[in-house]
Amino acid sequence: MAPARKIPQRSCVVCRTKRDKKDLLRVVLTPDGDIKFDPTGRVAGRGSYLCRNEECIKAELKKSGKLAKGLRHQVTSEELSSIARDILEQAAKAQPAKEA
């Protein structure tokens, strides 16, 4: 019998809570210098992780700067807004449609 696979662990850059990689949201700095939300977790580049917790996302949007520190790159407010919009769109797609 093969040994059980280890589940990768990552830390949220805002609250520093360790969680399974699949339970966190990844933001990536691509080799081109673009910063974007990575829903697949496979885009090439330096990644930082945020909890799916609304408080962590709001804290970062209030200019905590921890995402920029994790990416080792300056993050503009426009980039943060774009990332937040992408995260919210992804969350809306993941929610099951409510029946009338």
N, C-alpha and C. Protein backbone atom coordinates (compact mmCIF):
# COMPACT_ATOMS: atom_id res chain seq x y z
N MET A 1 0.85 -1.18 0.00
CA MET A 1 0.00 0.00 0.00
C MET A 1 0.89 1.24 0.00
N ALA A 2 0.59 2.19 -0.87
CA ALA A 2 1.38 3.42 -0.99
C ALA A 2 1.10 4.33 0.21
N PRO A 3 2.13 5.06 0.64
CA PRO A 3 1.91 5.99 1.75
C PRO A 3 0.97 7.12 1.33
N ALA A 4 0.24 7.65 2.29
CA ALA A 4 -0.70 8.73 2.02
C ALA A 4 0.05 9.98 1.55
N ARG A 5 -0.53 10.66 0.55
CA ARG A 5 0.09 11.88 0.05
C ARG A 5 -0.04 12.99 1.07
N LYS A 6 1.01 13.77 1.19
CA LYS A 6 0.94 14.93 2.07
C LYS A 6 0.14 16.03 1.38
N ILE A 7 -0.67 16.71 2.14
CA ILE A 7 -1.44 17.83 1.61
C ILE A 7 -0.62 19.09 1.84
N PRO A 8 -0.33 19.85 0.77
CA PRO A 8 0.49 21.05 0.94
C PRO A 8 -0.18 22.07 1.87
N GLN A 9 0.61 22.66 2.73
CA GLN A 9 0.13 23.67 3.67
C GLN A 9 0.71 25.03 3.28
N ARG A 10 -0.08 26.07 3.43
CA ARG A 10 0.36 27.44 3.18
C ARG A 10 -0.21 28.32 4.28
N SER A 11 0.36 29.53 4.42
CA SER A 11 -0.10 30.49 5.42
C SER A 11 -0.74 31.69 4.76
N CYS A 12 -1.81 32.18 5.35
CA CYS A 12 -2.43 33.42 4.90
C CYS A 12 -1.49 34.57 5.24
N VAL A 13 -1.24 35.47 4.28
CA VAL A 13 -0.30 36.56 4.53
C VAL A 13 -0.86 37.60 5.50
N VAL A 14 -2.18 37.61 5.70
CA VAL A 14 -2.79 38.59 6.59
C VAL A 14 -2.84 38.08 8.02
N CYS A 15 -3.48 36.92 8.24
CA CYS A 15 -3.67 36.43 9.61
C CYS A 15 -2.64 35.38 10.03
N ARG A 16 -1.80 34.93 9.08
CA ARG A 16 -0.73 33.95 9.32
C ARG A 16 -1.26 32.58 9.75
N THR A 17 -2.51 32.28 9.49
CA THR A 17 -3.08 30.98 9.81
C THR A 17 -2.66 29.96 8.76
N LYS A 18 -2.18 28.81 9.21
CA LYS A 18 -1.78 27.75 8.29
C LYS A 18 -3.00 26.92 7.93
N ARG A 19 -3.17 26.70 6.62
CA ARG A 19 -4.29 25.90 6.13
C ARG A 19 -3.83 25.06 4.95
N ASP A 20 -4.69 24.15 4.53
CA ASP A 20 -4.42 23.40 3.31
C ASP A 20 -4.38 24.39 2.14
N LYS A 21 -3.49 24.16 1.21
CA LYS A 21 -3.33 25.05 0.06
C LYS A 21 -4.64 25.26 -0.70
N LYS A 22 -5.43 24.20 -0.84
CA LYS A 22 -6.69 24.30 -1.59
C LYS A 22 -7.74 25.15 -0.88
N ASP A 23 -7.56 25.42 0.41
CA ASP A 23 -8.52 26.22 1.17
C ASP A 23 -8.18 27.70 1.15
N LEU A 24 -7.11 28.08 0.49
CA LEU A 24 -6.69 29.48 0.44
C LEU A 24 -6.83 30.02 -0.98
N LEU A 25 -6.84 31.34 -1.09
CA LEU A 25 -6.89 32.02 -2.38
C LEU A 25 -5.48 32.44 -2.74
N ARG A 26 -5.07 32.20 -3.97
CA ARG A 26 -3.71 32.52 -4.40
C ARG A 26 -3.71 33.77 -5.27
N VAL A 27 -2.82 34.67 -4.96
CA VAL A 27 -2.56 35.85 -5.78
C VAL A 27 -1.13 35.69 -6.27
N VAL A 28 -0.92 35.90 -7.57
CA VAL A 28 0.38 35.61 -8.16
C VAL A 28 0.97 36.84 -8.83
N LEU A 29 2.29 36.98 -8.70
CA LEU A 29 3.07 37.96 -9.44
C LEU A 29 3.70 37.18 -10.59
N THR A 30 3.22 37.43 -11.81
CA THR A 30 3.72 36.69 -12.97
C THR A 30 5.11 37.17 -13.36
N PRO A 31 5.83 36.39 -14.14
CA PRO A 31 7.16 36.83 -14.61
C PRO A 31 7.11 38.13 -15.41
N ASP A 32 5.92 38.45 -15.98
CA ASP A 32 5.75 39.70 -16.73
C ASP A 32 5.55 40.90 -15.82
N GLY A 33 5.36 40.66 -14.51
CA GLY A 33 5.16 41.74 -13.57
C GLY A 33 3.69 42.04 -13.29
N ASP A 34 2.78 41.23 -13.85
CA ASP A 34 1.35 41.41 -13.58
C ASP A 34 0.99 40.73 -12.26
N ILE A 35 0.05 41.33 -11.55
CA ILE A 35 -0.45 40.74 -10.32
C ILE A 35 -1.90 40.39 -10.56
N LYS A 36 -2.24 39.11 -10.32
CA LYS A 36 -3.61 38.69 -10.56
C LYS A 36 -4.00 37.54 -9.65
N PHE A 37 -5.32 37.36 -9.54
CA PHE A 37 -5.89 36.26 -8.78
C PHE A 37 -5.71 34.98 -9.57
N ASP A 38 -5.29 33.91 -8.90
CA ASP A 38 -5.04 32.63 -9.55
C ASP A 38 -5.97 31.57 -8.97
N PRO A 39 -7.15 31.38 -9.55
CA PRO A 39 -8.08 30.40 -8.99
C PRO A 39 -7.61 28.96 -9.12
N THR A 40 -6.73 28.67 -10.08
CA THR A 40 -6.26 27.30 -10.29
C THR A 40 -5.10 26.93 -9.38
N GLY A 41 -4.34 27.93 -8.93
CA GLY A 41 -3.16 27.67 -8.11
C GLY A 41 -1.98 27.16 -8.91
N ARG A 42 -2.02 27.32 -10.24
CA ARG A 42 -0.97 26.76 -11.09
C ARG A 42 -0.30 27.79 -12.00
N VAL A 43 -0.68 29.05 -11.93
CA VAL A 43 -0.07 30.06 -12.79
C VAL A 43 1.38 30.26 -12.36
N ALA A 44 2.27 30.36 -13.34
CA ALA A 44 3.69 30.54 -13.03
C ALA A 44 3.94 31.89 -12.39
N GLY A 45 4.79 31.91 -11.38
CA GLY A 45 5.16 33.16 -10.73
C GLY A 45 5.17 33.00 -9.22
N ARG A 46 5.46 34.10 -8.54
CA ARG A 46 5.52 34.11 -7.09
C ARG A 46 4.12 34.27 -6.52
N GLY A 47 3.72 33.39 -5.67
CA GLY A 47 2.37 33.43 -5.12
C GLY A 47 2.33 33.80 -3.66
N SER A 48 1.22 34.43 -3.29
CA SER A 48 0.89 34.70 -1.89
C SER A 48 -0.53 34.22 -1.68
N TYR A 49 -0.84 33.87 -0.47
CA TYR A 49 -2.14 33.26 -0.18
C TYR A 49 -2.92 34.09 0.82
N LEU A 50 -4.24 34.12 0.60
CA LEU A 50 -5.18 34.79 1.49
C LEU A 50 -6.25 33.79 1.90
N CYS A 51 -6.75 33.92 3.12
CA CYS A 51 -7.88 33.10 3.55
C CYS A 51 -9.11 33.45 2.72
N ARG A 52 -10.01 32.52 2.65
CA ARG A 52 -11.30 32.81 2.02
C ARG A 52 -12.16 33.63 2.99
N ASN A 53 -11.64 33.83 4.16
CA ASN A 53 -12.29 34.59 5.22
C ASN A 53 -12.44 36.06 4.78
N GLU A 54 -13.65 36.57 4.87
CA GLU A 54 -13.93 37.94 4.42
C GLU A 54 -13.11 38.98 5.18
N GLU A 55 -12.83 38.73 6.45
CA GLU A 55 -12.06 39.69 7.25
C GLU A 55 -10.64 39.85 6.72
N CYS A 56 -10.03 38.76 6.31
CA CYS A 56 -8.66 38.83 5.77
C CYS A 56 -8.62 39.61 4.46
N ILE A 57 -9.61 39.37 3.61
CA ILE A 57 -9.66 40.08 2.33
C ILE A 57 -9.89 41.57 2.57
N LYS A 58 -10.82 41.90 3.46
CA LYS A 58 -11.09 43.31 3.77
C LYS A 58 -9.87 43.98 4.40
N ALA A 59 -9.18 43.26 5.27
CA ALA A 59 -7.99 43.82 5.92
C ALA A 59 -6.93 44.17 4.89
N GLU A 60 -6.75 43.32 3.89
CA GLU A 60 -5.75 43.59 2.85
C GLU A 60 -6.20 44.74 1.98
N LEU A 61 -7.48 44.84 1.70
CA LEU A 61 -7.99 45.95 0.89
C LEU A 61 -7.84 47.29 1.59
N LYS A 62 -7.75 47.25 2.92
CA LYS A 62 -7.56 48.49 3.69
C LYS A 62 -6.09 48.86 3.78
N LYS A 63 -5.31 48.41 2.80
CA LYS A 63 -3.89 48.79 2.68
C LYS A 63 -3.02 48.22 3.80
N SER A 64 -3.22 46.95 4.15
CA SER A 64 -2.35 46.36 5.16
C SER A 64 -0.93 46.19 4.62
N GLY A 65 -0.81 45.97 3.30
CA GLY A 65 0.51 45.85 2.68
C GLY A 65 1.15 44.48 2.82
N LYS A 66 0.47 43.56 3.46
CA LYS A 66 1.05 42.23 3.67
C LYS A 66 1.12 41.42 2.38
N LEU A 67 0.17 41.66 1.48
CA LEU A 67 0.21 40.98 0.19
C LEU A 67 1.43 41.43 -0.61
N ALA A 68 1.70 42.72 -0.60
CA ALA A 68 2.87 43.25 -1.30
C ALA A 68 4.15 42.68 -0.71
N LYS A 69 4.19 42.55 0.59
CA LYS A 69 5.37 41.99 1.24
C LYS A 69 5.56 40.52 0.86
N GLY A 70 4.46 39.78 0.80
CA GLY A 70 4.52 38.37 0.42
C GLY A 70 4.96 38.18 -1.03
N LEU A 71 4.51 39.09 -1.90
CA LEU A 71 4.88 39.00 -3.31
C LEU A 71 6.24 39.64 -3.59
N ARG A 72 6.75 40.38 -2.61
CA ARG A 72 8.01 41.12 -2.77
C ARG A 72 7.93 42.08 -3.95
N HIS A 73 6.77 42.76 -4.03
CA HIS A 73 6.52 43.67 -5.14
C HIS A 73 5.45 44.67 -4.71
N GLN A 74 5.54 45.88 -5.19
CA GLN A 74 4.56 46.91 -4.88
C GLN A 74 3.21 46.54 -5.51
N VAL A 75 2.13 46.64 -4.73
CA VAL A 75 0.78 46.36 -5.23
C VAL A 75 -0.01 47.66 -5.17
N THR A 76 -0.50 48.10 -6.32
CA THR A 76 -1.27 49.36 -6.37
C THR A 76 -2.70 49.11 -5.92
N SER A 77 -3.40 50.19 -5.58
CA SER A 77 -4.79 50.07 -5.17
C SER A 77 -5.66 49.56 -6.32
N GLU A 78 -5.30 49.91 -7.56
CA GLU A 78 -6.05 49.41 -8.72
C GLU A 78 -5.90 47.89 -8.84
N GLU A 79 -4.69 47.40 -8.61
CA GLU A 79 -4.45 45.95 -8.67
C GLU A 79 -5.21 45.23 -7.56
N LEU A 80 -5.23 45.83 -6.36
CA LEU A 80 -5.97 45.24 -5.25
C LEU A 80 -7.46 45.19 -5.58
N SER A 81 -7.98 46.25 -6.16
CA SER A 81 -9.40 46.30 -6.53
C SER A 81 -9.71 45.23 -7.57
N SER A 82 -8.83 45.08 -8.54
CA SER A 82 -9.02 44.08 -9.59
C SER A 82 -9.00 42.67 -8.99
N ILE A 83 -8.08 42.42 -8.09
CA ILE A 83 -7.98 41.11 -7.45
C ILE A 83 -9.25 40.83 -6.64
N ALA A 84 -9.71 41.83 -5.88
CA ALA A 84 -10.92 41.66 -5.07
C ALA A 84 -12.13 41.38 -5.96
N ARG A 85 -12.23 42.09 -7.07
CA ARG A 85 -13.33 41.87 -8.02
C ARG A 85 -13.29 40.44 -8.55
N ASP A 86 -12.10 39.97 -8.93
CA ASP A 86 -11.95 38.61 -9.45
C ASP A 86 -12.32 37.56 -8.39
N ILE A 87 -11.93 37.81 -7.14
CA ILE A 87 -12.25 36.89 -6.06
C ILE A 87 -13.76 36.83 -5.84
N LEU A 88 -14.41 37.99 -5.87
CA LEU A 88 -15.86 38.03 -5.67
C LEU A 88 -16.59 37.34 -6.82
N GLU A 89 -16.12 37.53 -8.05
CA GLU A 89 -16.72 36.86 -9.20
C GLU A 89 -16.58 35.34 -9.05
N GLN A 90 -15.41 34.89 -8.63
CA GLN A 90 -15.17 33.46 -8.43
C GLN A 90 -16.09 32.91 -7.34
N ALA A 91 -16.26 33.68 -6.27
CA ALA A 91 -17.13 33.24 -5.17
C ALA A 91 -18.59 33.16 -5.64
N ALA A 92 -19.00 34.10 -6.49
CA ALA A 92 -20.37 34.09 -6.99
C ALA A 92 -20.61 32.87 -7.88
N LYS A 93 -19.61 32.48 -8.66
CA LYS A 93 -19.74 31.29 -9.51
C LYS A 93 -19.80 30.02 -8.67
N ALA A 94 -19.12 30.02 -7.55
CA ALA A 94 -19.05 28.82 -6.70
C ALA A 94 -20.34 28.62 -5.92
N GLN A 95 -21.09 29.71 -5.67
CA GLN A 95 -22.33 29.63 -4.92
C GLN A 95 -23.41 28.96 -5.77
N PRO A 96 -24.15 28.03 -5.23
CA PRO A 96 -25.25 27.45 -6.00
C PRO A 96 -26.35 28.48 -6.20
N ALA A 97 -26.99 28.43 -7.35
CA ALA A 97 -28.06 29.37 -7.66
C ALA A 97 -29.25 29.12 -6.73
N LYS A 98 -29.83 30.19 -6.22
CA LYS A 98 -31.00 30.05 -5.34
C LYS A 98 -32.24 29.86 -6.19
N GLU A 99 -33.07 28.94 -5.76
CA GLU A 99 -34.30 28.68 -6.49
C GLU A 99 -35.39 29.59 -5.97
N ALA A 100 -36.28 30.02 -6.86
CA ALA A 100 -37.37 30.92 -6.48
C ALA A 100 -38.53 30.18 -5.88
